[in-house]
């Protein structure tokens, strides 16, 4: 493969990352786990459930949109 520059970084950037799929995603959770189906699984928790928060915000927006409140 032809290189554009003589930089060693160019060769490094064209390589595939080591580890592959097994290190890029956390393992699957069983359906009984409280975080099952959460889009933020694998990221650190901050003391509240992101899934519940987004559902609450969606519900609140819909309610405010229907009543015209802010």
Protein backbone atom coordinates (compact mmCIF):
# COMPACT_ATOMS: atom_id res chain seq x y z
CA UNK A 1 0.00 0.00 0.00
CA UNK A 2 1.33 3.42 -0.95
CA UNK A 3 1.95 5.90 1.86
CA UNK A 4 1.47 9.64 1.49
CA UNK A 5 4.23 10.55 3.96
CA UNK A 6 7.20 8.94 5.66
CA UNK A 7 5.66 9.53 9.06
CA UNK A 8 5.51 6.48 11.38
CA UNK A 9 2.14 7.74 12.60
CA UNK A 10 0.56 7.18 9.19
CA UNK A 11 1.36 3.48 9.35
CA UNK A 12 0.07 3.33 12.94
CA UNK A 13 -3.22 5.03 12.04
CA UNK A 14 -3.96 2.58 9.21
CA UNK A 15 -3.72 -0.47 11.51
CA UNK A 16 -6.73 -2.02 13.16
CA UNK A 17 -6.97 -1.48 16.92
CA UNK A 18 -5.88 -4.38 19.07
CA UNK A 19 -8.52 -6.26 21.04
CA UNK A 20 -11.38 -6.14 18.59
CA UNK A 21 -15.04 -6.58 19.49
CA UNK A 22 -14.56 -8.36 22.81
CA UNK A 23 -12.99 -5.28 24.41
CA UNK A 24 -15.17 -2.64 22.75
CA UNK A 25 -18.50 -3.63 24.35
CA UNK A 26 -19.48 -4.78 27.81
CA UNK A 27 -21.04 -8.21 28.15
CA UNK A 28 -24.80 -8.61 27.76
CA UNK A 29 -27.05 -8.34 30.78
CA UNK A 30 -29.82 -10.76 31.69
CA UNK A 31 -33.38 -9.37 31.37
CA UNK A 32 -33.76 -9.39 35.17
CA UNK A 33 -30.95 -6.81 35.62
CA UNK A 34 -32.13 -3.21 36.33
CA UNK A 35 -29.87 -1.82 33.57
CA UNK A 36 -31.11 -4.27 30.92
CA UNK A 37 -31.90 -2.36 27.73
CA UNK A 38 -30.36 0.90 28.94
CA UNK A 39 -28.51 2.80 26.22
CA UNK A 40 -25.91 4.02 28.73
CA UNK A 41 -24.90 0.55 29.92
CA UNK A 42 -21.13 0.30 30.17
CA UNK A 43 -20.69 3.95 31.08
CA UNK A 44 -20.30 4.94 34.71
CA UNK A 45 -23.52 5.57 36.61
CA UNK A 46 -23.89 8.94 38.30
CA UNK A 47 -26.43 8.05 40.96
CA UNK A 48 -29.64 7.99 38.93
CA UNK A 49 -31.01 5.93 36.07
CA UNK A 50 -30.65 7.62 32.68
CA UNK A 51 -33.51 5.56 31.25
CA UNK A 52 -35.92 6.74 33.96
CA UNK A 53 -34.74 10.34 33.56
CA UNK A 54 -35.26 10.36 29.79
CA UNK A 55 -38.73 8.80 30.20
CA UNK A 56 -39.63 11.46 32.78
CA UNK A 57 -38.36 14.27 30.54
CA UNK A 58 -40.26 12.89 27.53
CA UNK A 59 -43.45 12.64 29.58
CA UNK A 60 -42.99 16.16 30.92
CA UNK A 61 -42.38 17.61 27.44
CA UNK A 62 -45.48 15.90 26.08
CA UNK A 63 -47.57 17.16 29.01
CA UNK A 64 -46.26 20.73 28.64
CA UNK A 65 -46.77 20.62 24.89
CA UNK A 66 -50.41 19.56 25.30
CA UNK A 67 -51.21 22.24 27.90
CA UNK A 68 -49.02 24.97 26.42
CA UNK A 69 -47.14 25.47 29.72
CA UNK A 70 -43.44 26.03 30.00
